[in-house]
Amino acid sequence: MKTVVGLAGLKFEIMEEPDNQALQLGREFGNRGQCNPTYFTVGNLVKHLVELRDGAGIPTERIIREYAFVTAGGCGPCRMGMYATEYRKALRDSGFEGFRVLLFTRSGDVQDVLMDGLKLTNTDLLRFFFAIMVGDALNSINIKRRPFEETPGSVDAQVKEARALVQEGISQGRWIRGMWQARKILRSMKLKREKRPVVHIMGEFWAKTTDGEGNYHLFRFIEKEGGVVSNETLTDWLLHQIWRARWIASRKRTGRIWSGTEVQLLVLEKLIKFFFLGIGSLLGEKLHLSNHGELATLAKEHFDLHVDGGEDHMEVAHHIHIAKNRLADLIVSVKPFTCLSSSGVSDGVQNKISNLYPQVEFIAVETNGDGAANFYSRIQMGLQKVSAQFR
């Protein structure tokens, strides 16, 4: 385990990607009936603390006193709102009662969007967002180029090297230099260009962004089956939260003059977009971000914008946007088993959207930590439908 000093001088330990061992620990110490991101993330925290205690030999009392876990809170209609309770139950039952779980939420007001409860300055927040954007950019480059590598594993290795250069540059206060050095590594990649079906991944936040056993290594499976993944970034999700906060603030406005909250959020949105696209330019890659006002306009005829839970209207909006502009050949909406927001709400609308925009194939798949064979079969069926034109 690696400890680094980062935001606001705080020390961070980098946790491993949640795996099936974490899933089993989550099921052991968690309540029944939770979705598997809960089990994966809760179990991963327990696994990490057990490794600190049993592997590193740190006494339990010291772990409880000196460590804390910061996580995102949730929306009311979704099980994500129960995450904090699940963490505390599992910690108590696994012998770490009293361990601190710090929560920031996404309910839509400016204090939550700016994470005011963490007592971070505006500079700290910009650095926090900057780190997310750099990670998003490198991850997107990796996913975009990996299917075309001449030597298996070469893109992963070169992106890892580029990431280390960027990290070193940021730690030394020379982040532009670090990115420029990383750019040279990324531009040296040997790629073969060939036509492949583009598969856009959307769905529940954790399931669509993780790249491991939590979604059956979905990205790499699609690549192995001959597709190219179009991924959604954490930066885009942050912009959606800012859009929602602005939308709520605008509805509270009594006149035409914008409130201070709206102005503050607009500035934050512009800064994030400027830095993200600038990061892409420095790394030699053209990156894209959604226009969330446009997405809301596309979705509002089919999905009530007041519904605030999970991905809100984004799945429906992205489906329409992608189909209208033929940005992908197949859309895969991935979510945990019985995800309340995605399976229970969005998927109820997607059948109509598929009928209105049949030019893009759409499938919805669920994960539950096991049952990979059925999951892979659904993906293969979707790919077979769109791959004929590429043979």
Protein backbone atom coordinates (compact mmCIF):
# COMPACT_ATOMS: atom_id res chain seq x y z
CA MET A 1 0.00 0.00 0.00
CA LYS A 2 1.32 3.39 -0.97
CA THR A 3 0.84 6.54 1.12
CA VAL A 4 0.98 9.92 -0.62
CA VAL A 5 0.61 13.49 0.61
CA GLY A 6 -1.98 15.25 -1.49
CA LEU A 7 -4.87 17.67 -1.27
CA ALA A 8 -4.65 20.22 1.57
CA GLY A 9 -1.64 18.39 3.01
CA LEU A 10 -3.72 15.32 3.88
CA LYS A 11 -2.19 11.86 3.67
CA PHE A 12 -3.89 9.37 1.37
CA GLU A 13 -3.55 5.65 0.94
CA ILE A 14 -4.41 4.25 -2.46
CA MET A 15 -6.86 1.36 -2.18
CA GLU A 16 -6.88 -1.52 -4.62
CA GLU A 17 -9.64 -2.03 -7.18
CA PRO A 18 -12.51 -3.89 -5.47
CA ASP A 19 -12.35 -7.59 -6.31
CA ASN A 20 -14.41 -10.69 -5.60
CA GLN A 21 -12.78 -11.09 -2.19
CA ALA A 22 -14.13 -7.62 -1.34
CA LEU A 23 -17.54 -8.73 -2.66
CA GLN A 24 -17.58 -11.73 -0.32
CA LEU A 25 -16.56 -9.59 2.67
CA GLY A 26 -19.31 -7.10 1.79
CA ARG A 27 -21.88 -9.87 1.67
CA GLU A 28 -20.60 -11.31 4.94
CA PHE A 29 -20.78 -8.09 6.91
CA GLY A 30 -23.47 -6.18 5.02
CA ASN A 31 -27.25 -6.34 5.05
CA ARG A 32 -29.14 -8.51 2.62
CA GLY A 33 -30.69 -7.04 -0.50
CA GLN A 34 -28.04 -4.43 -1.27
CA CYS A 35 -26.76 -3.83 -4.81
CA ASN A 36 -23.33 -5.21 -5.60
CA PRO A 37 -21.50 -1.82 -5.72
CA THR A 38 -22.43 -1.59 -2.03
CA TYR A 39 -20.99 -5.00 -1.33
CA PHE A 40 -17.86 -4.37 -3.42
CA THR A 41 -17.06 -0.98 -1.88
CA VAL A 42 -18.03 -1.84 1.71
CA GLY A 43 -16.11 -5.10 1.50
CA ASN A 44 -13.12 -3.35 -0.05
CA LEU A 45 -12.89 -0.99 2.93
CA VAL A 46 -13.07 -3.90 5.39
CA LYS A 47 -10.45 -5.78 3.35
CA HIS A 48 -8.14 -2.75 3.40
CA LEU A 49 -8.46 -2.27 7.16
CA VAL A 50 -7.84 -5.96 7.81
CA GLU A 51 -4.67 -5.74 5.72
CA LEU A 52 -3.55 -2.72 7.75
CA ARG A 53 -4.20 -4.63 10.98
CA ASP A 54 -3.02 -8.12 10.09
CA GLY A 55 -0.59 -7.41 7.27
CA ALA A 56 1.05 -4.15 8.34
CA GLY A 57 0.63 -4.87 12.07
CA ILE A 58 -1.08 -1.57 12.90
CA PRO A 59 -3.18 -1.87 16.09
CA THR A 60 -6.93 -1.52 15.64
CA GLU A 61 -7.08 1.42 18.07
CA ARG A 62 -4.52 3.34 16.00
CA ILE A 63 -6.39 2.61 12.74
CA ILE A 64 -9.61 3.96 14.24
CA ARG A 65 -7.83 7.01 15.66
CA GLU A 66 -5.61 7.98 12.69
CA TYR A 67 -7.51 6.85 9.60
CA ALA A 68 -10.77 7.92 7.95
CA PHE A 69 -12.65 7.00 4.80
CA VAL A 70 -14.20 9.66 2.55
CA THR A 71 -16.92 8.57 0.17
CA ALA A 72 -19.78 9.94 -1.88
CA GLY A 73 -23.24 9.99 -0.38
CA GLY A 74 -26.35 9.21 -2.29
CA CYS A 75 -29.70 10.28 -3.52
CA GLY A 76 -32.93 9.40 -1.74
CA PRO A 77 -34.49 7.08 -4.37
CA CYS A 78 -31.37 4.91 -4.64
CA ARG A 79 -29.66 2.41 -2.35
CA MET A 80 -26.64 4.71 -2.55
CA GLY A 81 -28.37 6.69 0.19
CA MET A 82 -27.81 3.71 2.49
CA TYR A 83 -24.07 3.40 1.86
CA ALA A 84 -22.98 5.21 5.02
CA THR A 85 -25.15 2.96 7.18
CA GLU A 86 -23.77 -0.12 5.44
CA TYR A 87 -20.20 1.03 6.03
CA ARG A 88 -20.82 1.60 9.71
CA LYS A 89 -22.58 -1.75 10.20
CA ALA A 90 -19.82 -3.67 8.42
CA LEU A 91 -17.11 -1.81 10.36
CA ARG A 92 -18.79 -2.59 13.66
CA ASP A 93 -19.29 -6.27 12.85
CA SER A 94 -15.72 -6.69 11.51
CA GLY A 95 -14.10 -5.22 14.63
CA PHE A 96 -13.55 -1.60 13.57
CA GLU A 97 -16.42 0.11 15.38
CA GLY A 98 -15.80 3.86 15.63
CA PHE A 99 -13.83 4.09 12.38
CA ARG A 100 -14.75 7.38 10.71
CA VAL A 101 -16.70 7.41 7.47
CA LEU A 102 -16.94 10.96 6.09
CA LEU A 103 -19.68 11.66 3.60
CA PHE A 104 -20.24 14.27 0.92
CA THR A 105 -23.53 14.14 -0.90
CA ARG A 106 -24.96 15.00 -4.30
CA SER A 107 -28.38 16.37 -3.36
CA GLY A 108 -27.99 19.32 -5.70
CA ASP A 109 -27.41 22.45 -3.61
CA VAL A 110 -24.22 24.46 -3.87
CA GLN A 111 -22.80 23.36 -0.52
CA ASP A 112 -22.92 19.74 -1.62
CA VAL A 113 -21.56 20.39 -5.11
CA LEU A 114 -18.65 22.33 -3.65
CA MET A 115 -18.15 19.79 -0.86
CA ASP A 116 -18.14 22.56 1.73
CA GLY A 117 -18.43 20.02 4.54
CA LEU A 118 -14.84 18.85 3.94
CA LYS A 119 -13.56 22.34 4.86
CA LEU A 120 -11.55 22.67 1.68
CA THR A 121 -10.54 25.99 0.18
CA ASN A 122 -11.41 26.97 -3.38
CA THR A 123 -7.79 26.25 -4.34
CA ASP A 124 -8.05 22.79 -2.81
CA LEU A 125 -11.24 22.16 -4.76
CA LEU A 126 -9.65 23.19 -8.05
CA ARG A 127 -6.72 20.87 -7.36
CA PHE A 128 -9.15 18.09 -6.51
CA PHE A 129 -11.06 18.57 -9.76
CA PHE A 130 -7.79 18.89 -11.67
CA ALA A 131 -6.58 15.50 -10.37
CA ILE A 132 -9.88 13.91 -11.41
CA MET A 133 -9.63 15.42 -14.87
CA VAL A 134 -6.05 14.23 -15.42
CA GLY A 135 -7.06 10.72 -14.39
CA ASP A 136 -10.10 10.85 -16.68
CA ALA A 137 -8.02 12.02 -19.63
CA LEU A 138 -5.38 9.31 -19.25
CA ASN A 139 -8.03 6.64 -18.70
CA SER A 140 -9.94 7.72 -21.81
CA ILE A 141 -6.75 7.67 -23.88
CA ASN A 142 -5.99 4.19 -22.61
CA ILE A 143 -9.46 2.87 -23.43
CA LYS A 144 -9.55 4.57 -26.83
CA ARG A 145 -6.17 3.27 -27.99
CA ARG A 146 -5.90 -0.15 -26.35
CA PRO A 147 -7.94 -2.04 -29.00
CA PHE A 148 -5.49 -0.91 -31.70
CA GLU A 149 -2.17 -1.72 -30.02
CA GLU A 150 0.33 -3.66 -32.14
CA THR A 151 1.85 -5.37 -29.11
CA PRO A 152 -0.52 -6.70 -26.44
CA GLY A 153 -0.12 -4.80 -23.17
CA SER A 154 1.92 -1.97 -24.69
CA VAL A 155 -0.75 0.72 -24.32
CA ASP A 156 -1.33 -0.14 -20.65
CA ALA A 157 2.41 0.05 -20.01
CA GLN A 158 2.90 3.36 -21.82
CA VAL A 159 -0.11 5.00 -20.16
CA LYS A 160 1.23 3.82 -16.79
CA GLU A 161 4.58 5.45 -17.62
CA ALA A 162 2.82 8.63 -18.76
CA ARG A 163 0.77 8.71 -15.55
CA ALA A 164 3.95 8.47 -13.46
CA LEU A 165 5.48 11.41 -15.36
CA VAL A 166 2.35 13.52 -14.83
CA GLN A 167 2.24 12.63 -11.15
CA GLU A 168 5.89 13.56 -10.71
CA GLY A 169 5.38 16.85 -12.55
CA ILE A 170 2.36 17.79 -10.42
CA SER A 171 4.19 16.92 -7.17
CA GLN A 172 7.06 19.21 -8.22
CA GLY A 173 4.76 22.06 -9.24
CA ARG A 174 5.65 21.54 -12.92
CA TRP A 175 2.49 19.94 -14.17
CA ILE A 176 2.73 21.35 -17.71
CA ARG A 177 6.22 19.91 -18.05
CA GLY A 178 5.02 16.57 -16.70
CA MET A 179 2.19 16.45 -19.23
CA TRP A 180 4.46 17.43 -22.08
CA GLN A 181 6.79 14.57 -21.19
CA ALA A 182 3.80 12.24 -20.97
CA ARG A 183 2.67 13.47 -24.39
CA LYS A 184 5.92 12.21 -25.92
CA ILE A 185 5.28 8.76 -24.46
CA LEU A 186 1.70 8.70 -25.68
CA ARG A 187 2.63 9.86 -29.18
CA SER A 188 5.21 7.09 -29.48
CA MET A 189 2.53 4.39 -29.30
CA LYS A 190 2.48 1.99 -32.25
CA LEU A 191 -1.12 1.49 -33.28
CA LYS A 192 -2.84 -0.33 -36.12
CA ARG A 193 -5.92 1.36 -37.50
CA GLU A 194 -8.86 -0.82 -38.39
CA LYS A 195 -12.63 -0.43 -38.40
CA ARG A 196 -14.37 -1.76 -35.31
CA PRO A 197 -17.87 -1.28 -33.88
CA VAL A 198 -18.05 1.46 -31.25
CA VAL A 199 -19.75 0.45 -28.01
CA HIS A 200 -20.85 3.23 -25.68
CA ILE A 201 -21.03 2.31 -21.99
CA MET A 202 -23.63 4.07 -19.86
CA GLY A 203 -25.68 3.17 -16.82
CA GLU A 204 -25.29 3.25 -13.06
CA PHE A 205 -22.36 5.41 -12.00
CA TRP A 206 -20.15 2.79 -10.33
CA ALA A 207 -20.88 -0.06 -12.75
CA LYS A 208 -20.12 2.06 -15.83
CA THR A 209 -16.88 3.61 -14.53
CA THR A 210 -15.17 0.76 -12.69
CA ASP A 211 -12.87 -1.46 -14.73
CA GLY A 212 -12.57 -4.68 -12.79
CA GLU A 213 -14.43 -7.62 -11.32
CA GLY A 214 -17.29 -5.33 -10.30
CA ASN A 215 -18.50 -5.21 -13.92
CA TYR A 216 -16.81 -8.42 -15.11
CA HIS A 217 -13.98 -6.44 -16.75
CA LEU A 218 -16.55 -5.13 -19.24
CA PHE A 219 -14.23 -2.79 -21.16
CA ARG A 220 -11.60 -5.43 -21.83
CA PHE A 221 -14.22 -8.03 -22.73
CA ILE A 222 -15.66 -5.74 -25.40
CA GLU A 223 -12.15 -5.11 -26.76
CA LYS A 224 -11.47 -8.86 -26.86
CA GLU A 225 -14.72 -9.37 -28.78
CA GLY A 226 -13.66 -6.84 -31.42
CA GLY A 227 -15.28 -3.61 -30.20
CA VAL A 228 -14.03 -0.17 -29.21
CA VAL A 229 -15.33 1.30 -25.96
CA SER A 230 -16.72 4.82 -25.73
CA ASN A 231 -16.66 5.62 -22.01
CA GLU A 232 -18.28 8.25 -19.82
CA THR A 233 -15.98 10.16 -17.49
CA LEU A 234 -16.18 11.27 -13.89
CA THR A 235 -15.61 14.82 -15.13
CA ASP A 236 -18.81 14.62 -17.17
CA TRP A 237 -20.70 13.35 -14.13
CA LEU A 238 -19.39 16.29 -12.08
CA LEU A 239 -20.59 18.67 -14.78
CA HIS A 240 -24.02 17.07 -14.60
CA GLN A 241 -24.14 17.68 -10.85
CA ILE A 242 -23.22 21.32 -11.44
CA TRP A 243 -25.89 21.59 -14.15
CA ARG A 244 -28.51 20.17 -11.76
CA ALA A 245 -27.49 22.59 -9.02
CA ARG A 246 -27.75 25.49 -11.48
CA TRP A 247 -31.14 24.24 -12.71
CA ILE A 248 -32.49 24.04 -9.15
CA ALA A 249 -31.12 27.50 -8.34
CA SER A 250 -32.67 28.97 -11.51
CA ARG A 251 -36.10 27.62 -10.54
CA LYS A 252 -35.84 29.37 -7.17
CA ARG A 253 -35.03 32.68 -8.86
CA THR A 254 -37.77 35.28 -8.58
CA GLY A 255 -36.54 37.61 -11.35
CA ARG A 256 -34.27 37.54 -14.37
CA ILE A 257 -31.10 38.41 -12.46
CA TRP A 258 -28.92 35.41 -11.70
CA SER A 259 -28.20 34.62 -8.08
CA GLY A 260 -24.68 34.44 -6.69
CA THR A 261 -25.04 30.65 -6.55
CA GLU A 262 -25.78 30.44 -10.27
CA VAL A 263 -22.82 32.65 -11.15
CA GLN A 264 -20.50 30.66 -8.89
CA LEU A 265 -21.58 27.37 -10.44
CA LEU A 266 -21.28 28.71 -13.99
CA VAL A 267 -17.70 29.84 -13.28
CA LEU A 268 -16.88 26.41 -11.83
CA GLU A 269 -18.37 24.71 -14.90
CA LYS A 270 -16.36 26.89 -17.29
CA LEU A 271 -13.14 26.26 -15.35
CA ILE A 272 -13.64 22.49 -15.39
CA LYS A 273 -14.33 22.47 -19.14
CA PHE A 274 -11.35 24.73 -19.86
CA PHE A 275 -8.93 22.63 -17.84
CA PHE A 276 -10.22 19.28 -19.09
CA LEU A 277 -9.98 20.19 -22.75
CA GLY A 278 -6.61 21.85 -22.09
CA ILE A 279 -5.33 18.68 -20.43
CA GLY A 280 -6.36 16.73 -23.51
CA SER A 281 -4.52 19.16 -25.79
CA LEU A 282 -1.36 18.93 -23.69
CA LEU A 283 -1.50 15.14 -23.84
CA GLY A 284 -2.12 15.21 -27.58
CA GLU A 285 -5.70 13.90 -27.52
CA LYS A 286 -8.95 15.61 -28.50
CA LEU A 287 -11.36 15.03 -25.63
CA HIS A 288 -15.09 15.74 -25.47
CA LEU A 289 -17.55 16.78 -22.78
CA SER A 290 -21.33 16.76 -22.86
CA ASN A 291 -23.47 19.87 -23.16
CA HIS A 292 -25.76 19.16 -20.21
CA GLY A 293 -28.21 21.89 -21.10
CA GLU A 294 -28.65 20.29 -24.52
CA LEU A 295 -28.99 16.82 -22.95
CA ALA A 296 -31.75 18.07 -20.65
CA THR A 297 -33.60 19.51 -23.64
CA LEU A 298 -33.37 16.16 -25.46
CA ALA A 299 -34.61 14.20 -22.47
CA LYS A 300 -37.37 16.37 -21.03
CA GLU A 301 -40.04 15.14 -23.46
CA HIS A 302 -39.47 11.56 -22.27
CA PHE A 303 -38.13 11.93 -18.72
CA ASP A 304 -39.21 14.32 -15.96
CA LEU A 305 -36.20 16.48 -15.10
CA HIS A 306 -37.43 16.70 -11.51
CA VAL A 307 -36.58 13.03 -11.00
CA ASP A 308 -33.36 13.19 -9.00
CA GLY A 309 -31.82 9.79 -8.48
CA GLY A 310 -28.96 7.74 -9.90
CA GLU A 311 -28.09 9.12 -13.33
CA ASP A 312 -31.28 11.23 -13.46
CA HIS A 313 -32.20 11.80 -17.12
CA MET A 314 -28.68 11.29 -18.46
CA GLU A 315 -29.12 7.73 -19.73
CA VAL A 316 -32.15 8.68 -21.82
CA ALA A 317 -30.49 11.90 -23.00
CA HIS A 318 -27.22 10.21 -23.98
CA HIS A 319 -29.13 7.49 -25.86
CA ILE A 320 -30.95 10.11 -27.94
CA HIS A 321 -27.81 12.21 -28.50
CA ILE A 322 -25.72 9.22 -29.57
CA ALA A 323 -28.42 7.85 -31.87
CA LYS A 324 -29.12 11.20 -33.54
CA ASN A 325 -25.44 11.79 -34.24
CA ARG A 326 -24.48 8.11 -34.87
CA LEU A 327 -21.68 8.32 -32.32
CA ALA A 328 -21.80 4.59 -31.57
CA ASP A 329 -23.06 1.35 -33.07
CA LEU A 330 -24.13 -0.26 -29.80
CA ILE A 331 -25.13 1.21 -26.43
CA VAL A 332 -24.71 -0.94 -23.34
CA SER A 333 -26.44 0.24 -20.17
CA VAL A 334 -24.79 -1.61 -17.28
CA LYS A 335 -26.14 -1.51 -13.76
CA PRO A 336 -26.29 -3.61 -10.58
CA PHE A 337 -29.02 -6.20 -10.23
CA THR A 338 -32.36 -4.42 -9.59
CA CYS A 339 -30.76 -0.96 -9.60
CA LEU A 340 -33.69 1.23 -8.57
CA SER A 341 -32.80 4.25 -10.67
CA SER A 342 -31.38 2.64 -13.80
CA SER A 343 -33.32 -0.63 -14.07
CA GLY A 344 -36.48 0.61 -12.41
CA VAL A 345 -36.76 4.04 -14.02
CA SER A 346 -34.48 4.67 -17.01
CA ASP A 347 -34.93 1.26 -18.60
CA GLY A 348 -38.68 1.81 -18.55
CA VAL A 349 -38.17 4.69 -21.00
CA GLN A 350 -35.38 3.18 -23.10
CA ASN A 351 -37.66 0.81 -25.01
CA LYS A 352 -39.54 3.80 -26.42
CA ILE A 353 -36.27 5.59 -27.24
CA SER A 354 -35.02 2.47 -29.06
CA ASN A 355 -38.17 2.45 -31.19
CA LEU A 356 -37.81 6.15 -31.98
CA TYR A 357 -34.09 5.87 -32.79
CA PRO A 358 -33.48 2.32 -34.12
CA GLN A 359 -30.22 3.27 -35.87
CA VAL A 360 -28.25 2.35 -32.74
CA GLU A 361 -28.61 -1.01 -31.00
CA PHE A 362 -29.37 -0.79 -27.26
CA ILE A 363 -29.10 -3.45 -24.57
CA ALA A 364 -29.38 -3.25 -20.78
CA VAL A 365 -27.40 -5.69 -18.64
CA GLU A 366 -27.20 -6.22 -14.90
CA THR A 367 -24.37 -7.41 -12.66
CA ASN A 368 -24.63 -9.16 -9.32
CA GLY A 369 -21.03 -10.20 -8.67
CA ASP A 370 -21.49 -13.62 -10.28
CA GLY A 371 -23.38 -14.84 -13.34
CA ALA A 372 -20.72 -13.59 -15.76
CA ALA A 373 -21.67 -16.16 -18.46
CA ASN A 374 -25.15 -14.69 -18.96
CA PHE A 375 -23.75 -11.14 -18.86
CA TYR A 376 -21.13 -11.91 -21.52
CA SER A 377 -23.71 -13.69 -23.66
CA ARG A 378 -25.90 -10.57 -23.79
CA ILE A 379 -22.91 -8.42 -24.80
CA GLN A 380 -21.90 -10.89 -27.52
CA MET A 381 -25.42 -10.92 -28.93
CA GLY A 382 -25.44 -7.14 -29.13
CA LEU A 383 -22.03 -7.08 -30.82
CA GLN A 384 -23.04 -9.73 -33.35
CA LYS A 385 -25.94 -7.54 -34.49
CA VAL A 386 -23.72 -4.57 -35.26
CA SER A 387 -20.50 -6.27 -36.38
CA ALA A 388 -21.63 -7.57 -39.76
CA GLN A 389 -20.87 -4.25 -41.47
CA PHE A 390 -17.26 -4.41 -40.26
CA ARG A 391 -16.45 -7.87 -41.63
